[in-house]
Amino acid sequence: MLLPSRSRRPLASRRGFTLLEILVVLAIIGLLVGLAVKNVDKIFGDSQASIARIFVNDSIKTSLVRYRIDLGDFPSSAEGLEALVTAPSSRAERWKGPYIDAKGGKLPLDPWGEPYVYRYPGTQNKGSYDIFSKGPDKTEGTADDVGNW
């Protein structure tokens, strides 16, 4: 038995989404994209600080300890981190480096493109060395510095 055409019509008109439903979905997607774009800077900013923290507390520490074992002490502030790449003239006979992988003989820069600051003896770590990145503001002595203290 055939159904009257009137009863088939509502089924046919329910097959697609209404314009209002599509607009609501697009609005929700737009809000999610807006939130993601707004927070991208925070996500990458945190990762840059983490990279600097890992370099300061782990990577460079290993190189400095190896240098100290071979030469008896950490490089002075005057010798700086360059002593890890090229032998200091005063102690060249005991130097067994390079102690850090420096591409093209250049020391790695922090995530913001600035050189790491090294001091021995340290001002923050009295019996040891200080090494730190000046952070995103590229100014020494501010709250965003990333150091080994």
Protein backbone atom coordinates (compact mmCIF):
# COMPACT_ATOMS: atom_id res chain seq x y z
CA MET A 1 0.00 0.00 0.00
CA LEU A 2 1.33 3.39 -0.89
CA LEU A 3 1.53 6.12 1.65
CA PRO A 4 0.01 9.42 0.77
CA SER A 5 2.51 11.92 -0.60
CA ARG A 6 1.83 14.22 2.31
CA SER A 7 3.34 11.81 4.85
CA ARG A 8 6.51 11.25 2.75
CA ARG A 9 7.35 14.90 2.45
CA PRO A 10 8.44 15.57 6.07
CA LEU A 11 10.98 12.73 5.81
CA ALA A 12 12.45 14.25 2.67
CA SER A 13 12.75 17.70 4.20
CA ARG A 14 14.61 16.36 7.26
CA ARG A 15 17.56 14.95 5.35
CA GLY A 16 19.89 17.99 5.56
CA PHE A 17 20.96 20.48 8.20
CA THR A 18 19.22 23.78 8.57
CA LEU A 19 21.06 27.00 7.91
CA LEU A 20 20.86 27.83 11.61
CA GLU A 21 22.56 24.54 12.59
CA ILE A 22 25.38 25.13 10.12
CA LEU A 23 25.90 28.69 11.41
CA VAL A 24 26.05 27.47 15.03
CA VAL A 25 28.69 24.86 14.14
CA LEU A 26 30.75 27.45 12.23
CA ALA A 27 30.54 29.85 15.18
CA ILE A 28 31.81 27.16 17.57
CA ILE A 29 34.67 26.26 15.23
CA GLY A 30 35.53 29.96 14.92
CA LEU A 31 35.68 30.33 18.70
CA LEU A 32 37.95 27.30 19.05
CA VAL A 33 40.30 28.56 16.33
CA GLY A 34 40.36 31.99 17.99
CA LEU A 35 41.34 30.48 21.34
CA ALA A 36 44.04 28.35 19.75
CA VAL A 37 45.57 31.30 17.88
CA LYS A 38 45.46 33.46 21.01
CA ASN A 39 47.33 30.85 23.08
CA VAL A 40 49.96 29.82 20.51
CA ASP A 41 52.37 32.48 21.81
CA LYS A 42 52.03 31.17 25.35
CA ILE A 43 52.63 27.60 24.24
CA PHE A 44 55.78 28.43 22.26
CA GLY A 45 56.99 30.93 24.85
CA ASP A 46 56.92 28.27 27.54
CA SER A 47 58.79 25.83 25.32
CA GLN A 48 61.54 28.38 24.67
CA ALA A 49 62.03 28.85 28.40
CA SER A 50 62.13 25.06 28.82
CA ILE A 51 64.80 24.76 26.13
CA ALA A 52 66.91 27.40 27.86
CA ARG A 53 66.40 25.70 31.25
CA ILE A 54 67.50 22.31 29.86
CA PHE A 55 70.60 23.83 28.25
CA VAL A 56 71.58 25.73 31.41
CA ASN A 57 70.94 22.92 33.89
CA ASP A 58 71.93 19.85 31.89
CA SER A 59 73.73 20.28 28.56
CA ILE A 60 76.27 22.93 29.52
CA LYS A 61 76.74 21.45 32.99
CA THR A 62 78.10 18.22 31.48
CA SER A 63 80.56 20.14 29.31
CA LEU A 64 81.76 22.27 32.22
CA VAL A 65 82.26 19.24 34.48
CA ARG A 66 84.33 17.48 31.79
CA TYR A 67 86.42 20.65 31.40
CA ARG A 68 86.94 20.82 35.17
CA ILE A 69 88.04 17.16 35.32
CA ASP A 70 90.64 17.71 32.59
CA LEU A 71 91.94 21.11 33.62
CA GLY A 72 91.30 21.16 37.37
CA ASP A 73 88.86 24.10 37.49
CA PHE A 74 86.03 25.75 35.58
CA PRO A 75 86.90 28.35 32.94
CA SER A 76 87.27 31.85 34.37
CA SER A 77 84.82 34.60 33.49
CA ALA A 78 87.47 36.09 31.21
CA GLU A 79 87.91 32.78 29.34
CA GLY A 80 84.16 32.31 29.23
CA LEU A 81 82.38 29.51 27.45
CA GLU A 82 84.79 29.91 24.53
CA ALA A 83 87.20 27.78 26.59
CA LEU A 84 84.88 24.84 25.88
CA VAL A 85 85.41 25.27 22.12
CA THR A 86 89.03 26.43 21.83
CA ALA A 87 91.93 25.76 24.20
CA PRO A 88 92.88 28.62 26.53
CA SER A 89 96.48 29.66 25.83
CA SER A 90 97.48 29.29 29.49
CA ARG A 91 96.32 25.65 29.77
CA ALA A 92 96.43 24.30 26.21
CA GLU A 93 98.54 21.24 27.11
CA ARG A 94 95.83 19.74 29.37
CA TRP A 95 92.84 20.74 27.22
CA LYS A 96 91.14 17.72 25.60
CA GLY A 97 88.19 19.45 23.95
CA PRO A 98 86.14 20.66 22.33
CA TYR A 99 83.79 20.00 25.21
CA ILE A 100 80.66 21.26 23.49
CA ASP A 101 79.41 20.76 19.95
CA ALA A 102 79.75 24.22 18.45
CA LYS A 103 78.59 24.47 14.85
CA GLY A 104 81.20 26.37 12.89
CA GLY A 105 83.14 27.12 16.08
CA LYS A 106 80.29 29.25 17.43
CA LEU A 107 78.67 28.63 20.78
CA PRO A 108 74.94 27.94 20.81
CA LEU A 109 72.68 30.92 21.40
CA ASP A 110 69.66 30.95 23.69
CA PRO A 111 66.18 30.55 22.12
CA TRP A 112 65.90 34.34 21.79
CA GLY A 113 69.12 34.63 19.76
CA GLU A 114 71.33 35.96 22.56
CA PRO A 115 74.54 34.41 23.94
CA TYR A 116 74.35 32.70 27.32
CA VAL A 117 76.02 34.63 30.17
CA TYR A 118 78.73 32.78 32.13
CA ARG A 119 80.51 33.83 35.34
CA TYR A 120 83.04 32.01 37.47
CA PRO A 121 83.03 32.45 40.38
CA GLY A 122 79.30 32.99 40.31
CA THR A 123 77.36 35.73 42.03
CA GLN A 124 74.26 33.56 42.54
CA ASN A 125 76.17 30.29 43.15
CA LYS A 126 79.03 31.39 45.41
CA GLY A 127 81.20 28.25 45.23
CA SER A 128 80.47 27.46 41.62
CA TYR A 129 79.59 29.10 38.32
CA ASP A 130 76.57 31.04 37.06
CA ILE A 131 75.22 30.44 33.60
CA PHE A 132 72.00 31.97 32.40
CA SER A 133 69.92 33.25 29.55
CA LYS A 134 68.64 36.81 29.75
CA GLY A 135 65.19 35.57 28.72
CA PRO A 136 62.71 37.00 26.25
CA ASP A 137 63.30 40.62 27.31
CA LYS A 138 67.06 40.21 26.60
CA THR A 139 67.88 42.18 29.74
CA GLU A 140 70.12 40.82 32.49
CA GLY A 141 68.86 40.81 36.07
CA THR A 142 65.12 40.65 35.40
CA ALA A 143 62.55 38.10 36.57
CA ASP A 144 62.48 36.24 33.25
CA ASP A 145 66.18 35.22 33.37
CA VAL A 146 66.68 31.46 33.10
CA GLY A 147 69.68 30.40 35.18
CA ASN A 148 71.26 27.53 37.09
CA TRP A 149 70.18 28.89 40.47
